[in-house]
Amino acid sequence: ASVGAVKKPKKAASSGGGGAPAAE
């Protein structure tokens, strides 16, 4: 039986100024 890939929920992009926090 194939083990389904567990999808992580997408994080919304930050709309704040400057640099966005680094993605995991």
PDBML (XML) file of the C-alpha atoms, coordinates in Angstrom:
<?xml version="1.0" encoding="UTF-8" ?>
<PDBx:datablock datablockName="MODEL"
   xmlns:PDBx="http://pdbml.pdb.org/schema/pdbx-v50.xsd"
   xmlns:xsi="http://www.w3.org/2001/XMLSchema-instance"
   xsi:schemaLocation="http://pdbml.pdb.org/schema/pdbx-v50.xsd pdbx-v50.xsd">
   <PDBx:atom_siteCategory>
      <PDBx:atom_site id="1">
         <PDBx:B_iso_or_equiv>0.00</PDBx:B_iso_or_equiv>
         <PDBx:Cartn_x>0.000</PDBx:Cartn_x>
         <PDBx:Cartn_y>0.000</PDBx:Cartn_y>
         <PDBx:Cartn_z>0.000</PDBx:Cartn_z>
         <PDBx:auth_asym_id>A</PDBx:auth_asym_id>
         <PDBx:auth_atom_id>CA</PDBx:auth_atom_id>
         <PDBx:auth_comp_id>ALA</PDBx:auth_comp_id>
         <PDBx:auth_seq_id>1</PDBx:auth_seq_id>
         <PDBx:group_PDB>ATOM</PDBx:group_PDB>
         <PDBx:label_alt_id xsi:nil="true" />
         <PDBx:label_asym_id>A</PDBx:label_asym_id>
         <PDBx:label_atom_id>CA</PDBx:label_atom_id>
         <PDBx:label_comp_id>ALA</PDBx:label_comp_id>
         <PDBx:label_entity_id>1</PDBx:label_entity_id>
         <PDBx:label_seq_id>1</PDBx:label_seq_id>
         <PDBx:occupancy>1.00</PDBx:occupancy>
         <PDBx:pdbx_PDB_model_num>1</PDBx:pdbx_PDB_model_num>
         <PDBx:type_symbol>C</PDBx:type_symbol>
      </PDBx:atom_site>
      <PDBx:atom_site id="2">
         <PDBx:B_iso_or_equiv>0.00</PDBx:B_iso_or_equiv>
         <PDBx:Cartn_x>1.395</PDBx:Cartn_x>
         <PDBx:Cartn_y>3.363</PDBx:Cartn_y>
         <PDBx:Cartn_z>-1.001</PDBx:Cartn_z>
         <PDBx:auth_asym_id>A</PDBx:auth_asym_id>
         <PDBx:auth_atom_id>CA</PDBx:auth_atom_id>
         <PDBx:auth_comp_id>SER</PDBx:auth_comp_id>
         <PDBx:auth_seq_id>2</PDBx:auth_seq_id>
         <PDBx:group_PDB>ATOM</PDBx:group_PDB>
         <PDBx:label_alt_id xsi:nil="true" />
         <PDBx:label_asym_id>A</PDBx:label_asym_id>
         <PDBx:label_atom_id>CA</PDBx:label_atom_id>
         <PDBx:label_comp_id>SER</PDBx:label_comp_id>
         <PDBx:label_entity_id>1</PDBx:label_entity_id>
         <PDBx:label_seq_id>2</PDBx:label_seq_id>
         <PDBx:occupancy>1.00</PDBx:occupancy>
         <PDBx:pdbx_PDB_model_num>1</PDBx:pdbx_PDB_model_num>
         <PDBx:type_symbol>C</PDBx:type_symbol>
      </PDBx:atom_site>
      <PDBx:atom_site id="3">
         <PDBx:B_iso_or_equiv>0.00</PDBx:B_iso_or_equiv>
         <PDBx:Cartn_x>2.106</PDBx:Cartn_x>
         <PDBx:Cartn_y>5.695</PDBx:Cartn_y>
         <PDBx:Cartn_z>1.868</PDBx:Cartn_z>
         <PDBx:auth_asym_id>A</PDBx:auth_asym_id>
         <PDBx:auth_atom_id>CA</PDBx:auth_atom_id>
         <PDBx:auth_comp_id>VAL</PDBx:auth_comp_id>
         <PDBx:auth_seq_id>3</PDBx:auth_seq_id>
         <PDBx:group_PDB>ATOM</PDBx:group_PDB>
         <PDBx:label_alt_id xsi:nil="true" />
         <PDBx:label_asym_id>A</PDBx:label_asym_id>
         <PDBx:label_atom_id>CA</PDBx:label_atom_id>
         <PDBx:label_comp_id>VAL</PDBx:label_comp_id>
         <PDBx:label_entity_id>1</PDBx:label_entity_id>
         <PDBx:label_seq_id>3</PDBx:label_seq_id>
         <PDBx:occupancy>1.00</PDBx:occupancy>
         <PDBx:pdbx_PDB_model_num>1</PDBx:pdbx_PDB_model_num>
         <PDBx:type_symbol>C</PDBx:type_symbol>
      </PDBx:atom_site>
      <PDBx:atom_site id="4">
         <PDBx:B_iso_or_equiv>0.00</PDBx:B_iso_or_equiv>
         <PDBx:Cartn_x>0.474</PDBx:Cartn_x>
         <PDBx:Cartn_y>8.993</PDBx:Cartn_y>
         <PDBx:Cartn_z>0.953</PDBx:Cartn_z>
         <PDBx:auth_asym_id>A</PDBx:auth_asym_id>
         <PDBx:auth_atom_id>CA</PDBx:auth_atom_id>
         <PDBx:auth_comp_id>GLY</PDBx:auth_comp_id>
         <PDBx:auth_seq_id>4</PDBx:auth_seq_id>
         <PDBx:group_PDB>ATOM</PDBx:group_PDB>
         <PDBx:label_alt_id xsi:nil="true" />
         <PDBx:label_asym_id>A</PDBx:label_asym_id>
         <PDBx:label_atom_id>CA</PDBx:label_atom_id>
         <PDBx:label_comp_id>GLY</PDBx:label_comp_id>
         <PDBx:label_entity_id>1</PDBx:label_entity_id>
         <PDBx:label_seq_id>4</PDBx:label_seq_id>
         <PDBx:occupancy>1.00</PDBx:occupancy>
         <PDBx:pdbx_PDB_model_num>1</PDBx:pdbx_PDB_model_num>
         <PDBx:type_symbol>C</PDBx:type_symbol>
      </PDBx:atom_site>
      <PDBx:atom_site id="5">
         <PDBx:B_iso_or_equiv>0.00</PDBx:B_iso_or_equiv>
         <PDBx:Cartn_x>2.746</PDBx:Cartn_x>
         <PDBx:Cartn_y>11.967</PDBx:Cartn_y>
         <PDBx:Cartn_z>1.184</PDBx:Cartn_z>
         <PDBx:auth_asym_id>A</PDBx:auth_asym_id>
         <PDBx:auth_atom_id>CA</PDBx:auth_atom_id>
         <PDBx:auth_comp_id>ALA</PDBx:auth_comp_id>
         <PDBx:auth_seq_id>5</PDBx:auth_seq_id>
         <PDBx:group_PDB>ATOM</PDBx:group_PDB>
         <PDBx:label_alt_id xsi:nil="true" />
         <PDBx:label_asym_id>A</PDBx:label_asym_id>
         <PDBx:label_atom_id>CA</PDBx:label_atom_id>
         <PDBx:label_comp_id>ALA</PDBx:label_comp_id>
         <PDBx:label_entity_id>1</PDBx:label_entity_id>
         <PDBx:label_seq_id>5</PDBx:label_seq_id>
         <PDBx:occupancy>1.00</PDBx:occupancy>
         <PDBx:pdbx_PDB_model_num>1</PDBx:pdbx_PDB_model_num>
         <PDBx:type_symbol>C</PDBx:type_symbol>
      </PDBx:atom_site>
      <PDBx:atom_site id="6">
         <PDBx:B_iso_or_equiv>0.00</PDBx:B_iso_or_equiv>
         <PDBx:Cartn_x>1.696</PDBx:Cartn_x>
         <PDBx:Cartn_y>14.164</PDBx:Cartn_y>
         <PDBx:Cartn_z>4.046</PDBx:Cartn_z>
         <PDBx:auth_asym_id>A</PDBx:auth_asym_id>
         <PDBx:auth_atom_id>CA</PDBx:auth_atom_id>
         <PDBx:auth_comp_id>VAL</PDBx:auth_comp_id>
         <PDBx:auth_seq_id>6</PDBx:auth_seq_id>
         <PDBx:group_PDB>ATOM</PDBx:group_PDB>
         <PDBx:label_alt_id xsi:nil="true" />
         <PDBx:label_asym_id>A</PDBx:label_asym_id>
         <PDBx:label_atom_id>CA</PDBx:label_atom_id>
         <PDBx:label_comp_id>VAL</PDBx:label_comp_id>
         <PDBx:label_entity_id>1</PDBx:label_entity_id>
         <PDBx:label_seq_id>6</PDBx:label_seq_id>
         <PDBx:occupancy>1.00</PDBx:occupancy>
         <PDBx:pdbx_PDB_model_num>1</PDBx:pdbx_PDB_model_num>
         <PDBx:type_symbol>C</PDBx:type_symbol>
      </PDBx:atom_site>
      <PDBx:atom_site id="7">
         <PDBx:B_iso_or_equiv>0.00</PDBx:B_iso_or_equiv>
         <PDBx:Cartn_x>1.248</PDBx:Cartn_x>
         <PDBx:Cartn_y>17.645</PDBx:Cartn_y>
         <PDBx:Cartn_z>2.646</PDBx:Cartn_z>
         <PDBx:auth_asym_id>A</PDBx:auth_asym_id>
         <PDBx:auth_atom_id>CA</PDBx:auth_atom_id>
         <PDBx:auth_comp_id>LYS</PDBx:auth_comp_id>
         <PDBx:auth_seq_id>7</PDBx:auth_seq_id>
         <PDBx:group_PDB>ATOM</PDBx:group_PDB>
         <PDBx:label_alt_id xsi:nil="true" />
         <PDBx:label_asym_id>A</PDBx:label_asym_id>
         <PDBx:label_atom_id>CA</PDBx:label_atom_id>
         <PDBx:label_comp_id>LYS</PDBx:label_comp_id>
         <PDBx:label_entity_id>1</PDBx:label_entity_id>
         <PDBx:label_seq_id>7</PDBx:label_seq_id>
         <PDBx:occupancy>1.00</PDBx:occupancy>
         <PDBx:pdbx_PDB_model_num>1</PDBx:pdbx_PDB_model_num>
         <PDBx:type_symbol>C</PDBx:type_symbol>
      </PDBx:atom_site>
      <PDBx:atom_site id="8">
         <PDBx:B_iso_or_equiv>0.00</PDBx:B_iso_or_equiv>
         <PDBx:Cartn_x>2.025</PDBx:Cartn_x>
         <PDBx:Cartn_y>20.562</PDBx:Cartn_y>
         <PDBx:Cartn_z>4.876</PDBx:Cartn_z>
         <PDBx:auth_asym_id>A</PDBx:auth_asym_id>
         <PDBx:auth_atom_id>CA</PDBx:auth_atom_id>
         <PDBx:auth_comp_id>LYS</PDBx:auth_comp_id>
         <PDBx:auth_seq_id>8</PDBx:auth_seq_id>
         <PDBx:group_PDB>ATOM</PDBx:group_PDB>
         <PDBx:label_alt_id xsi:nil="true" />
         <PDBx:label_asym_id>A</PDBx:label_asym_id>
         <PDBx:label_atom_id>CA</PDBx:label_atom_id>
         <PDBx:label_comp_id>LYS</PDBx:label_comp_id>
         <PDBx:label_entity_id>1</PDBx:label_entity_id>
         <PDBx:label_seq_id>8</PDBx:label_seq_id>
         <PDBx:occupancy>1.00</PDBx:occupancy>
         <PDBx:pdbx_PDB_model_num>1</PDBx:pdbx_PDB_model_num>
         <PDBx:type_symbol>C</PDBx:type_symbol>
      </PDBx:atom_site>
      <PDBx:atom_site id="9">
         <PDBx:B_iso_or_equiv>0.00</PDBx:B_iso_or_equiv>
         <PDBx:Cartn_x>-0.430</PDBx:Cartn_x>
         <PDBx:Cartn_y>23.426</PDBx:Cartn_y>
         <PDBx:Cartn_z>4.661</PDBx:Cartn_z>
         <PDBx:auth_asym_id>A</PDBx:auth_asym_id>
         <PDBx:auth_atom_id>CA</PDBx:auth_atom_id>
         <PDBx:auth_comp_id>PRO</PDBx:auth_comp_id>
         <PDBx:auth_seq_id>9</PDBx:auth_seq_id>
         <PDBx:group_PDB>ATOM</PDBx:group_PDB>
         <PDBx:label_alt_id xsi:nil="true" />
         <PDBx:label_asym_id>A</PDBx:label_asym_id>
         <PDBx:label_atom_id>CA</PDBx:label_atom_id>
         <PDBx:label_comp_id>PRO</PDBx:label_comp_id>
         <PDBx:label_entity_id>1</PDBx:label_entity_id>
         <PDBx:label_seq_id>9</PDBx:label_seq_id>
         <PDBx:occupancy>1.00</PDBx:occupancy>
         <PDBx:pdbx_PDB_model_num>1</PDBx:pdbx_PDB_model_num>
         <PDBx:type_symbol>C</PDBx:type_symbol>
      </PDBx:atom_site>
      <PDBx:atom_site id="10">
         <PDBx:B_iso_or_equiv>0.00</PDBx:B_iso_or_equiv>
         <PDBx:Cartn_x>0.942</PDBx:Cartn_x>
         <PDBx:Cartn_y>26.324</PDBx:Cartn_y>
         <PDBx:Cartn_z>2.661</PDBx:Cartn_z>
         <PDBx:auth_asym_id>A</PDBx:auth_asym_id>
         <PDBx:auth_atom_id>CA</PDBx:auth_atom_id>
         <PDBx:auth_comp_id>LYS</PDBx:auth_comp_id>
         <PDBx:auth_seq_id>10</PDBx:auth_seq_id>
         <PDBx:group_PDB>ATOM</PDBx:group_PDB>
         <PDBx:label_alt_id xsi:nil="true" />
         <PDBx:label_asym_id>A</PDBx:label_asym_id>
         <PDBx:label_atom_id>CA</PDBx:label_atom_id>
         <PDBx:label_comp_id>LYS</PDBx:label_comp_id>
         <PDBx:label_entity_id>1</PDBx:label_entity_id>
         <PDBx:label_seq_id>10</PDBx:label_seq_id>
         <PDBx:occupancy>1.00</PDBx:occupancy>
         <PDBx:pdbx_PDB_model_num>1</PDBx:pdbx_PDB_model_num>
         <PDBx:type_symbol>C</PDBx:type_symbol>
      </PDBx:atom_site>
      <PDBx:atom_site id="11">
         <PDBx:B_iso_or_equiv>0.00</PDBx:B_iso_or_equiv>
         <PDBx:Cartn_x>1.893</PDBx:Cartn_x>
         <PDBx:Cartn_y>29.367</PDBx:Cartn_y>
         <PDBx:Cartn_z>4.668</PDBx:Cartn_z>
         <PDBx:auth_asym_id>A</PDBx:auth_asym_id>
         <PDBx:auth_atom_id>CA</PDBx:auth_atom_id>
         <PDBx:auth_comp_id>LYS</PDBx:auth_comp_id>
         <PDBx:auth_seq_id>11</PDBx:auth_seq_id>
         <PDBx:group_PDB>ATOM</PDBx:group_PDB>
         <PDBx:label_alt_id xsi:nil="true" />
         <PDBx:label_asym_id>A</PDBx:label_asym_id>
         <PDBx:label_atom_id>CA</PDBx:label_atom_id>
         <PDBx:label_comp_id>LYS</PDBx:label_comp_id>
         <PDBx:label_entity_id>1</PDBx:label_entity_id>
         <PDBx:label_seq_id>11</PDBx:label_seq_id>
         <PDBx:occupancy>1.00</PDBx:occupancy>
         <PDBx:pdbx_PDB_model_num>1</PDBx:pdbx_PDB_model_num>
         <PDBx:type_symbol>C</PDBx:type_symbol>
      </PDBx:atom_site>
      <PDBx:atom_site id="12">
         <PDBx:B_iso_or_equiv>0.00</PDBx:B_iso_or_equiv>
         <PDBx:Cartn_x>0.669</PDBx:Cartn_x>
         <PDBx:Cartn_y>32.729</PDBx:Cartn_y>
         <PDBx:Cartn_z>3.500</PDBx:Cartn_z>
         <PDBx:auth_asym_id>A</PDBx:auth_asym_id>
         <PDBx:auth_atom_id>CA</PDBx:auth_atom_id>
         <PDBx:auth_comp_id>ALA</PDBx:auth_comp_id>
         <PDBx:auth_seq_id>12</PDBx:auth_seq_id>
         <PDBx:group_PDB>ATOM</PDBx:group_PDB>
         <PDBx:label_alt_id xsi:nil="true" />
         <PDBx:label_asym_id>A</PDBx:label_asym_id>
         <PDBx:label_atom_id>CA</PDBx:label_atom_id>
         <PDBx:label_comp_id>ALA</PDBx:label_comp_id>
         <PDBx:label_entity_id>1</PDBx:label_entity_id>
         <PDBx:label_seq_id>12</PDBx:label_seq_id>
         <PDBx:occupancy>1.00</PDBx:occupancy>
         <PDBx:pdbx_PDB_model_num>1</PDBx:pdbx_PDB_model_num>
         <PDBx:type_symbol>C</PDBx:type_symbol>
      </PDBx:atom_site>
      <PDBx:atom_site id="13">
         <PDBx:B_iso_or_equiv>0.00</PDBx:B_iso_or_equiv>
         <PDBx:Cartn_x>3.406</PDBx:Cartn_x>
         <PDBx:Cartn_y>35.062</PDBx:Cartn_y>
         <PDBx:Cartn_z>2.306</PDBx:Cartn_z>
         <PDBx:auth_asym_id>A</PDBx:auth_asym_id>
         <PDBx:auth_atom_id>CA</PDBx:auth_atom_id>
         <PDBx:auth_comp_id>ALA</PDBx:auth_comp_id>
         <PDBx:auth_seq_id>13</PDBx:auth_seq_id>
         <PDBx:group_PDB>ATOM</PDBx:group_PDB>
         <PDBx:label_alt_id xsi:nil="true" />
         <PDBx:label_asym_id>A</PDBx:label_asym_id>
         <PDBx:label_atom_id>CA</PDBx:label_atom_id>
         <PDBx:label_comp_id>ALA</PDBx:label_comp_id>
         <PDBx:label_entity_id>1</PDBx:label_entity_id>
         <PDBx:label_seq_id>13</PDBx:label_seq_id>
         <PDBx:occupancy>1.00</PDBx:occupancy>
         <PDBx:pdbx_PDB_model_num>1</PDBx:pdbx_PDB_model_num>
         <PDBx:type_symbol>C</PDBx:type_symbol>
      </PDBx:atom_site>
      <PDBx:atom_site id="14">
         <PDBx:B_iso_or_equiv>0.00</PDBx:B_iso_or_equiv>
         <PDBx:Cartn_x>4.008</PDBx:Cartn_x>
         <PDBx:Cartn_y>37.954</PDBx:Cartn_y>
         <PDBx:Cartn_z>4.638</PDBx:Cartn_z>
         <PDBx:auth_asym_id>A</PDBx:auth_asym_id>
         <PDBx:auth_atom_id>CA</PDBx:auth_atom_id>
         <PDBx:auth_comp_id>SER</PDBx:auth_comp_id>
         <PDBx:auth_seq_id>14</PDBx:auth_seq_id>
         <PDBx:group_PDB>ATOM</PDBx:group_PDB>
         <PDBx:label_alt_id xsi:nil="true" />
         <PDBx:label_asym_id>A</PDBx:label_asym_id>
         <PDBx:label_atom_id>CA</PDBx:label_atom_id>
         <PDBx:label_comp_id>SER</PDBx:label_comp_id>
         <PDBx:label_entity_id>1</PDBx:label_entity_id>
         <PDBx:label_seq_id>14</PDBx:label_seq_id>
         <PDBx:occupancy>1.00</PDBx:occupancy>
         <PDBx:pdbx_PDB_model_num>1</PDBx:pdbx_PDB_model_num>
         <PDBx:type_symbol>C</PDBx:type_symbol>
      </PDBx:atom_site>
      <PDBx:atom_site id="15">
         <PDBx:B_iso_or_equiv>0.00</PDBx:B_iso_or_equiv>
         <PDBx:Cartn_x>2.993</PDBx:Cartn_x>
         <PDBx:Cartn_y>41.276</PDBx:Cartn_y>
         <PDBx:Cartn_z>3.172</PDBx:Cartn_z>
         <PDBx:auth_asym_id>A</PDBx:auth_asym_id>
         <PDBx:auth_atom_id>CA</PDBx:auth_atom_id>
         <PDBx:auth_comp_id>SER</PDBx:auth_comp_id>
         <PDBx:auth_seq_id>15</PDBx:auth_seq_id>
         <PDBx:group_PDB>ATOM</PDBx:group_PDB>
         <PDBx:label_alt_id xsi:nil="true" />
         <PDBx:label_asym_id>A</PDBx:label_asym_id>
         <PDBx:label_atom_id>CA</PDBx:label_atom_id>
         <PDBx:label_comp_id>SER</PDBx:label_comp_id>
         <PDBx:label_entity_id>1</PDBx:label_entity_id>
         <PDBx:label_seq_id>15</PDBx:label_seq_id>
         <PDBx:occupancy>1.00</PDBx:occupancy>
         <PDBx:pdbx_PDB_model_num>1</PDBx:pdbx_PDB_model_num>
         <PDBx:type_symbol>C</PDBx:type_symbol>
      </PDBx:atom_site>
      <PDBx:atom_site id="16">
         <PDBx:B_iso_or_equiv>0.00</PDBx:B_iso_or_equiv>
         <PDBx:Cartn_x>5.119</PDBx:Cartn_x>
         <PDBx:Cartn_y>43.265</PDBx:Cartn_y>
         <PDBx:Cartn_z>5.584</PDBx:Cartn_z>
         <PDBx:auth_asym_id>A</PDBx:auth_asym_id>
         <PDBx:auth_atom_id>CA</PDBx:auth_atom_id>
         <PDBx:auth_comp_id>GLY</PDBx:auth_comp_id>
         <PDBx:auth_seq_id>16</PDBx:auth_seq_id>
         <PDBx:group_PDB>ATOM</PDBx:group_PDB>
         <PDBx:label_alt_id xsi:nil="true" />
         <PDBx:label_asym_id>A</PDBx:label_asym_id>
         <PDBx:label_atom_id>CA</PDBx:label_atom_id>
         <PDBx:label_comp_id>GLY</PDBx:label_comp_id>
         <PDBx:label_entity_id>1</PDBx:label_entity_id>
         <PDBx:label_seq_id>16</PDBx:label_seq_id>
         <PDBx:occupancy>1.00</PDBx:occupancy>
         <PDBx:pdbx_PDB_model_num>1</PDBx:pdbx_PDB_model_num>
         <PDBx:type_symbol>C</PDBx:type_symbol>
      </PDBx:atom_site>
      <PDBx:atom_site id="17">
         <PDBx:B_iso_or_equiv>0.00</PDBx:B_iso_or_equiv>
         <PDBx:Cartn_x>8.076</PDBx:Cartn_x>
         <PDBx:Cartn_y>45.294</PDBx:Cartn_y>
         <PDBx:Cartn_z>4.451</PDBx:Cartn_z>
         <PDBx:auth_asym_id>A</PDBx:auth_asym_id>
         <PDBx:auth_atom_id>CA</PDBx:auth_atom_id>
         <PDBx:auth_comp_id>GLY</PDBx:auth_comp_id>
         <PDBx:auth_seq_id>17</PDBx:auth_seq_id>
         <PDBx:group_PDB>ATOM</PDBx:group_PDB>
         <PDBx:label_alt_id xsi:nil="true" />
         <PDBx:label_asym_id>A</PDBx:label_asym_id>
         <PDBx:label_atom_id>CA</PDBx:label_atom_id>
         <PDBx:label_comp_id>GLY</PDBx:label_comp_id>
         <PDBx:label_entity_id>1</PDBx:label_entity_id>
         <PDBx:label_seq_id>17</PDBx:label_seq_id>
         <PDBx:occupancy>1.00</PDBx:occupancy>
         <PDBx:pdbx_PDB_model_num>1</PDBx:pdbx_PDB_model_num>
         <PDBx:type_symbol>C</PDBx:type_symbol>
      </PDBx:atom_site>
      <PDBx:atom_site id="18">
         <PDBx:B_iso_or_equiv>0.00</PDBx:B_iso_or_equiv>
         <PDBx:Cartn_x>11.687</PDBx:Cartn_x>
         <PDBx:Cartn_y>44.251</PDBx:Cartn_y>
         <PDBx:Cartn_z>4.493</PDBx:Cartn_z>
         <PDBx:auth_asym_id>A</PDBx:auth_asym_id>
         <PDBx:auth_atom_id>CA</PDBx:auth_atom_id>
         <PDBx:auth_comp_id>GLY</PDBx:auth_comp_id>
         <PDBx:auth_seq_id>18</PDBx:auth_seq_id>
         <PDBx:group_PDB>ATOM</PDBx:group_PDB>
         <PDBx:label_alt_id xsi:nil="true" />
         <PDBx:label_asym_id>A</PDBx:label_asym_id>
         <PDBx:label_atom_id>CA</PDBx:label_atom_id>
         <PDBx:label_comp_id>GLY</PDBx:label_comp_id>
         <PDBx:label_entity_id>1</PDBx:label_entity_id>
         <PDBx:label_seq_id>18</PDBx:label_seq_id>
         <PDBx:occupancy>1.00</PDBx:occupancy>
         <PDBx:pdbx_PDB_model_num>1</PDBx:pdbx_PDB_model_num>
         <PDBx:type_symbol>C</PDBx:type_symbol>
      </PDBx:atom_site>
      <PDBx:atom_site id="19">
         <PDBx:B_iso_or_equiv>0.00</PDBx:B_iso_or_equiv>
         <PDBx:Cartn_x>12.753</PDBx:Cartn_x>
         <PDBx:Cartn_y>40.659</PDBx:Cartn_y>
         <PDBx:Cartn_z>4.386</PDBx:Cartn_z>
         <PDBx:auth_asym_id>A</PDBx:auth_asym_id>
         <PDBx:auth_atom_id>CA</PDBx:auth_atom_id>
         <PDBx:auth_comp_id>GLY</PDBx:auth_comp_id>
         <PDBx:auth_seq_id>19</PDBx:auth_seq_id>
         <PDBx:group_PDB>ATOM</PDBx:group_PDB>
         <PDBx:label_alt_id xsi:nil="true" />
         <PDBx:label_asym_id>A</PDBx:label_asym_id>
         <PDBx:label_atom_id>CA</PDBx:label_atom_id>
         <PDBx:label_comp_id>GLY</PDBx:label_comp_id>
         <PDBx:label_entity_id>1</PDBx:label_entity_id>
         <PDBx:label_seq_id>19</PDBx:label_seq_id>
         <PDBx:occupancy>1.00</PDBx:occupancy>
         <PDBx:pdbx_PDB_model_num>1</PDBx:pdbx_PDB_model_num>
         <PDBx:type_symbol>C</PDBx:type_symbol>
      </PDBx:atom_site>
      <PDBx:atom_site id="20">
         <PDBx:B_iso_or_equiv>0.00</PDBx:B_iso_or_equiv>
         <PDBx:Cartn_x>10.255</PDBx:Cartn_x>
         <PDBx:Cartn_y>37.900</PDBx:Cartn_y>
         <PDBx:Cartn_z>4.939</PDBx:Cartn_z>
         <PDBx:auth_asym_id>A</PDBx:auth_asym_id>
         <PDBx:auth_atom_id>CA</PDBx:auth_atom_id>
         <PDBx:auth_comp_id>ALA</PDBx:auth_comp_id>
         <PDBx:auth_seq_id>20</PDBx:auth_seq_id>
         <PDBx:group_PDB>ATOM</PDBx:group_PDB>
         <PDBx:label_alt_id xsi:nil="true" />
         <PDBx:label_asym_id>A</PDBx:label_asym_id>
         <PDBx:label_atom_id>CA</PDBx:label_atom_id>
         <PDBx:label_comp_id>ALA</PDBx:label_comp_id>
         <PDBx:label_entity_id>1</PDBx:label_entity_id>
         <PDBx:label_seq_id>20</PDBx:label_seq_id>
         <PDBx:occupancy>1.00</PDBx:occupancy>
         <PDBx:pdbx_PDB_model_num>1</PDBx:pdbx_PDB_model_num>
         <PDBx:type_symbol>C</PDBx:type_symbol>
      </PDBx:atom_site>
      <PDBx:atom_site id="21">
         <PDBx:B_iso_or_equiv>0.00</PDBx:B_iso_or_equiv>
         <PDBx:Cartn_x>11.190</PDBx:Cartn_x>
         <PDBx:Cartn_y>35.281</PDBx:Cartn_y>
         <PDBx:Cartn_z>7.507</PDBx:Cartn_z>
         <PDBx:auth_asym_id>A</PDBx:auth_asym_id>
         <PDBx:auth_atom_id>CA</PDBx:auth_atom_id>
         <PDBx:auth_comp_id>PRO</PDBx:auth_comp_id>
         <PDBx:auth_seq_id>21</PDBx:auth_seq_id>
         <PDBx:group_PDB>ATOM</PDBx:group_PDB>
         <PDBx:label_alt_id xsi:nil="true" />
         <PDBx:label_asym_id>A</PDBx:label_asym_id>
         <PDBx:label_atom_id>CA</PDBx:label_atom_id>
         <PDBx:label_comp_id>PRO</PDBx:label_comp_id>
         <PDBx:label_entity_id>1</PDBx:label_entity_id>
         <PDBx:label_seq_id>21</PDBx:label_seq_id>
         <PDBx:occupancy>1.00</PDBx:occupancy>
         <PDBx:pdbx_PDB_model_num>1</PDBx:pdbx_PDB_model_num>
         <PDBx:type_symbol>C</PDBx:type_symbol>
      </PDBx:atom_site>
      <PDBx:atom_site id="22">
         <PDBx:B_iso_or_equiv>0.00</PDBx:B_iso_or_equiv>
         <PDBx:Cartn_x>13.155</PDBx:Cartn_x>
         <PDBx:Cartn_y>32.425</PDBx:Cartn_y>
         <PDBx:Cartn_z>6.008</PDBx:Cartn_z>
         <PDBx:auth_asym_id>A</PDBx:auth_asym_id>
         <PDBx:auth_atom_id>CA</PDBx:auth_atom_id>
         <PDBx:auth_comp_id>ALA</PDBx:auth_comp_id>
         <PDBx:auth_seq_id>22</PDBx:auth_seq_id>
         <PDBx:group_PDB>ATOM</PDBx:group_PDB>
         <PDBx:label_alt_id xsi:nil="true" />
         <PDBx:label_asym_id>A</PDBx:label_asym_id>
         <PDBx:label_atom_id>CA</PDBx:label_atom_id>
         <PDBx:label_comp_id>ALA</PDBx:label_comp_id>
         <PDBx:label_entity_id>1</PDBx:label_entity_id>
         <PDBx:label_seq_id>22</PDBx:label_seq_id>
         <PDBx:occupancy>1.00</PDBx:occupancy>
         <PDBx:pdbx_PDB_model_num>1</PDBx:pdbx_PDB_model_num>
         <PDBx:type_symbol>C</PDBx:type_symbol>
      </PDBx:atom_site>
      <PDBx:atom_site id="23">
         <PDBx:B_iso_or_equiv>0.00</PDBx:B_iso_or_equiv>
         <PDBx:Cartn_x>11.035</PDBx:Cartn_x>
         <PDBx:Cartn_y>29.431</PDBx:Cartn_y>
         <PDBx:Cartn_z>4.955</PDBx:Cartn_z>
         <PDBx:auth_asym_id>A</PDBx:auth_asym_id>
         <PDBx:auth_atom_id>CA</PDBx:auth_atom_id>
         <PDBx:auth_comp_id>ALA</PDBx:auth_comp_id>
         <PDBx:auth_seq_id>23</PDBx:auth_seq_id>
         <PDBx:group_PDB>ATOM</PDBx:group_PDB>
         <PDBx:label_alt_id xsi:nil="true" />
         <PDBx:label_asym_id>A</PDBx:label_asym_id>
         <PDBx:label_atom_id>CA</PDBx:label_atom_id>
         <PDBx:label_comp_id>ALA</PDBx:label_comp_id>
         <PDBx:label_entity_id>1</PDBx:label_entity_id>
         <PDBx:label_seq_id>23</PDBx:label_seq_id>
         <PDBx:occupancy>1.00</PDBx:occupancy>
         <PDBx:pdbx_PDB_model_num>1</PDBx:pdbx_PDB_model_num>
         <PDBx:type_symbol>C</PDBx:type_symbol>
      </PDBx:atom_site>
      <PDBx:atom_site id="24">
         <PDBx:B_iso_or_equiv>0.00</PDBx:B_iso_or_equiv>
         <PDBx:Cartn_x>11.600</PDBx:Cartn_x>
         <PDBx:Cartn_y>26.101</PDBx:Cartn_y>
         <PDBx:Cartn_z>6.677</PDBx:Cartn_z>
         <PDBx:auth_asym_id>A</PDBx:auth_asym_id>
         <PDBx:auth_atom_id>CA</PDBx:auth_atom_id>
         <PDBx:auth_comp_id>GLU</PDBx:auth_comp_id>
         <PDBx:auth_seq_id>24</PDBx:auth_seq_id>
         <PDBx:group_PDB>ATOM</PDBx:group_PDB>
         <PDBx:label_alt_id xsi:nil="true" />
         <PDBx:label_asym_id>A</PDBx:label_asym_id>
         <PDBx:label_atom_id>CA</PDBx:label_atom_id>
         <PDBx:label_comp_id>GLU</PDBx:label_comp_id>
         <PDBx:label_entity_id>1</PDBx:label_entity_id>
         <PDBx:label_seq_id>24</PDBx:label_seq_id>
         <PDBx:occupancy>1.00</PDBx:occupancy>
         <PDBx:pdbx_PDB_model_num>1</PDBx:pdbx_PDB_model_num>
         <PDBx:type_symbol>C</PDBx:type_symbol>
      </PDBx:atom_site>
   </PDBx:atom_siteCategory>
</PDBx:datablock>
